[in-house]
Structure formats: structure tokens, C-alpha cells
Protein backbone atom coordinates (compact mmCIF):
# COMPACT_ATOMS: atom_id res chain seq x y z
CA MET A 1 -88.66 166.23 71.55
CA SER A 2 -84.83 164.43 71.36
CA ALA A 3 -82.58 166.77 68.93
CA LEU A 4 -80.71 164.07 66.98
CA VAL A 5 -76.75 164.03 67.78
CA SER A 6 -74.21 163.31 65.32
CA SER A 7 -70.85 161.58 66.27
CA VAL A 8 -67.78 162.30 64.68
CA ILE A 9 -64.46 160.92 64.67
CA ALA A 10 -61.78 161.62 62.95
CA HIS A 11 -59.09 159.40 61.05
CA LYS A 12 -55.77 159.97 60.06
CA PHE A 13 -53.49 157.62 58.12
CA GLY A 14 -49.91 158.14 57.52
CA GLY A 15 -47.28 156.90 54.99
CA THR A 16 -47.16 153.65 56.28
CA SER A 17 -50.88 152.85 56.26
CA MET A 18 -51.78 154.34 52.74
CA ALA A 19 -48.63 152.98 51.38
CA ASP A 20 -50.36 150.68 48.12
CA ALA A 21 -53.22 149.77 46.92
CA PRO A 22 -53.53 146.33 49.91
CA ARG A 23 -52.56 149.31 52.55
CA ILE A 24 -55.53 151.23 50.97
CA ALA A 25 -58.16 148.53 50.87
CA HIS A 26 -56.58 147.99 54.72
CA ALA A 27 -57.89 151.72 55.69
CA ALA A 28 -60.68 150.65 54.61
CA GLN A 29 -61.26 147.83 56.19
CA LEU A 30 -60.42 149.76 59.17
CA LEU A 31 -63.49 152.80 58.38
CA LEU A 32 -66.34 150.09 57.55
CA ALA A 33 -65.47 148.91 61.07
CA GLU A 34 -66.02 151.50 62.94
CA THR A 35 -69.49 151.20 64.36
CA GLN A 36 -69.87 153.90 66.31
CA PHE A 37 -69.12 157.10 65.08
CA THR A 38 -72.45 158.65 62.92
CA THR A 39 -70.09 160.96 60.83
CA GLN A 40 -65.97 159.41 59.95
CA VAL A 41 -63.98 162.69 58.86
CA THR A 42 -60.64 161.21 57.55
CA VAL A 43 -57.06 162.26 56.27
CA VAL A 44 -54.45 160.35 54.37
CA SER A 45 -50.41 160.47 53.58
CA ALA A 46 -49.31 160.47 49.93
CA LEU A 47 -48.42 156.50 48.86
CA LYS A 48 -44.70 156.02 49.65
CA GLY A 49 -42.56 157.81 47.69
CA THR A 50 -45.33 160.38 45.40
CA THR A 51 -43.60 163.09 47.72
CA ASP A 52 -40.42 162.88 47.29
CA SER A 53 -40.75 162.23 43.27
CA LEU A 54 -43.16 165.12 42.84
CA ILE A 55 -40.79 166.90 44.77
CA ARG A 56 -38.02 165.63 42.38
CA CYS A 57 -40.01 166.10 39.24
CA ALA A 58 -40.47 170.18 40.72
CA GLN A 59 -36.92 170.27 41.04
CA MET A 60 -35.78 169.28 37.82
CA ALA A 61 -38.36 171.26 35.92
CA ALA A 62 -37.03 174.13 37.61
CA LYS A 63 -34.00 173.24 36.53
CA GLN A 64 -35.10 172.70 32.27
CA ASP A 65 -34.02 168.81 33.40
CA ASP A 66 -37.06 166.85 30.72
CA ALA A 67 -36.18 163.57 32.77
CA TRP A 68 -39.35 164.85 35.07
CA GLN A 69 -41.72 164.46 32.01
CA GLY A 70 -40.58 159.88 32.48
CA LEU A 71 -40.62 160.52 36.70
CA LEU A 72 -44.50 161.67 36.07
CA GLU A 73 -45.16 159.42 33.96
CA ASP A 74 -44.11 156.74 36.53
CA LEU A 75 -46.37 157.91 39.09
CA LEU A 76 -49.11 158.41 37.05
CA LYS A 77 -48.37 154.73 36.27
CA ARG A 78 -48.65 153.92 39.54
CA HIS A 79 -51.69 155.70 41.32
CA CYS A 80 -53.85 154.19 37.84
CA ASN A 81 -52.84 150.72 39.01
CA ALA A 82 -53.75 150.90 42.65
CA ALA A 83 -56.75 152.03 40.88
CA ASP A 84 -56.69 149.18 39.01
CA SER A 85 -56.41 146.83 42.40
CA LEU A 86 -58.43 148.90 44.34
CA LEU A 87 -61.29 149.18 41.86
CA THR A 88 -64.35 146.96 40.57
CA THR A 89 -66.02 149.44 39.54
CA ASN A 90 -65.43 153.24 38.20
CA ARG A 91 -62.24 152.24 36.30
CA SER A 92 -62.53 154.93 33.61
CA GLU A 93 -63.52 157.24 35.97
CA ALA A 94 -60.24 156.90 38.30
CA GLU A 95 -58.18 156.39 35.29
CA ASP A 96 -59.85 160.17 33.82
CA PHE A 97 -58.84 161.91 37.06
CA PHE A 98 -55.41 161.27 37.02
CA VAL A 99 -54.79 161.24 33.37
CA ALA A 100 -56.51 164.97 34.16
CA GLU A 101 -54.45 165.38 37.39
CA SER A 102 -51.07 164.54 35.61
CA GLU A 103 -51.65 166.45 32.78
CA ARG A 104 -52.27 169.62 34.97
CA LEU A 105 -49.16 169.20 36.89
CA SER A 106 -47.53 168.74 33.47
CA GLU A 107 -48.69 172.61 31.80
CA VAL A 108 -47.73 173.02 35.84
CA LEU A 109 -43.79 171.49 35.49
CA HIS A 110 -43.33 172.79 31.35
CA ALA A 111 -44.11 176.46 33.18
CA LEU A 112 -41.04 175.83 35.89
CA SER A 113 -38.78 174.74 33.06
CA LEU A 114 -39.73 178.64 31.40
CA LEU A 115 -39.13 179.75 33.87
CA LYS A 116 -36.64 178.29 35.16
CA SER A 117 -37.36 178.78 38.76
CA LEU A 118 -39.81 176.59 41.25
CA PRO A 119 -41.79 179.66 42.71
CA GLY A 120 -42.81 178.89 46.76
CA SER A 121 -46.35 179.24 46.32
CA ALA A 122 -46.47 176.08 42.60
CA PHE A 123 -43.34 174.26 45.48
CA GLU A 124 -46.45 173.90 48.24
CA TRP A 125 -49.24 172.75 45.22
CA ILE A 126 -46.92 170.88 43.91
CA GLN A 127 -46.09 168.22 47.09
CA GLY A 128 -49.48 167.90 48.23
CA LEU A 129 -50.93 166.34 45.34
CA GLY A 130 -49.96 163.30 46.19
CA GLU A 131 -51.81 163.64 49.45
CA VAL A 132 -55.10 164.52 46.88
CA TRP A 133 -54.30 161.80 45.18
CA SER A 134 -53.99 159.35 47.96
CA ALA A 135 -57.96 160.27 49.27
CA TYR A 136 -59.27 160.17 45.75
CA LEU A 137 -57.73 155.98 46.17
CA LEU A 138 -59.21 156.05 49.32
CA HIS A 139 -62.39 157.76 48.15
CA ALA A 140 -63.10 155.86 44.44
CA HIS A 141 -62.37 151.98 46.78
CA LEU A 142 -65.43 153.55 49.03
CA GLY A 143 -67.62 154.01 47.11
CA SER A 144 -66.46 150.80 44.75
CA LEU A 145 -67.60 148.48 48.13
CA GLY A 146 -70.39 150.07 47.82
CA VAL A 147 -69.91 152.69 50.57
CA ALA A 148 -71.06 156.35 50.67
CA ALA A 149 -68.39 159.15 51.05
CA ASP A 150 -67.42 161.97 50.30
CA TYR A 151 -64.16 163.19 48.70
CA LEU A 152 -62.73 166.68 49.52
CA ASP A 153 -60.15 168.07 48.33
CA ALA A 154 -59.26 171.38 51.16
CA ARG A 155 -57.38 173.71 49.00
CA ARG A 156 -60.79 173.85 46.91
CA VAL A 157 -62.47 174.99 50.58
CA LEU A 158 -60.39 176.51 52.78
CA VAL A 159 -59.30 180.32 52.85
CA VAL A 160 -55.97 181.03 54.12
CA HIS A 161 -53.60 183.70 53.81
CA ASP A 162 -49.15 182.84 54.95
CA ASP A 163 -49.24 186.28 55.78
CA ASN A 164 -47.59 185.56 59.34
CA ASN A 165 -44.02 184.43 60.15
CA LEU A 166 -45.39 181.42 61.74
CA GLY A 167 -47.50 179.68 58.68
CA ILE A 168 -50.12 179.99 57.19
CA ASP A 169 -53.63 180.81 59.44
CA ILE A 170 -56.95 179.58 57.64
CA ASP A 171 -59.58 182.30 57.39
CA TRP A 172 -62.28 179.82 58.71
CA SER A 173 -64.94 182.52 58.80
CA ALA A 174 -64.59 182.29 54.49
CA SER A 175 -63.83 179.06 54.45
């Protein structure tokens, strides 16, 4: 009796590879061309300029500069337009995803404006959203191509502790 052997490969697509809808489509084609492995794990960066825009939104909100609202609206449009370009199906699901994400972020930014501060935990959460959104776009694009792919927001499954001077520690047993 032989055991089934699973082979895994990890991919990391950086900012240039995830810059916009055509680059995301190209990244998906690279994943589809990889046939030697039974499991592929993919980590992605945010669309070009997204992280900087998210950081600006947070900083403006903490300074009570309402211009963050227009910048957030532009980010939402950009991601919805990318979804429209990438998806042949499930476009309304993608729009619902980005509207919900935008509304949740808007609530956080409004709270920062009321507090007139930008706590480190809020800053970290906000600046990481671009990667979450790009991962969703890649996942949805693969799905529209008929490819079974799972989407995972690591923040929902990893338990981390930031009580040391070297950064965070992942609690693998609790994750």
C-alpha cells in the first residue's frame, strides 16, 4: 500500500506582479501553467499604490482631514474596476466584497477622526488591507476561469502575539 504524496509550492507575487488587472491576470496564468505540484499556496502584494493610499487615508483621518473619504472612494472604484476587468462571472459578489470592505474601513477611519489619533494596531490593520483585497481579486479571477481556489485571510486564522522586541510571534499551536 503506497501513501499519497502531496507536493506543495509557494508563490509570492510582489507589487509589480499585482499592479493592476492585466498583471493579476498574468499572475493567474502563471499559476495555471504550474502543473507539477498538487497544491499551490500564493501570497500577493497590494495593487500598485494601494498601501500608500491606505496609509494616507489613516493619517488624514487621524488629523480630521475629511479628504480621506475621496481617497477611499477612489480605492474602491479602482478595485471594483479591476474586478470588472478580471471577472467573467461573480462580479456582483466581488462588488459586494469591496463595498463591505470599504464600509468597514470607513467606520474605522471615522473612529480615528473622532479620536484624533492613529493607534499602532489600527495602522497595521489598515495598511494590510491592500494585500487582502488583491488576494480576493486573484481568487475571484481564478474562480471566474473555472479554477477551484481557496481564499484565506491569514488574519482570521493566525494567532499572533506582539509582546517582544523583535516583532510579532505566531502562535502556531493556537492558529
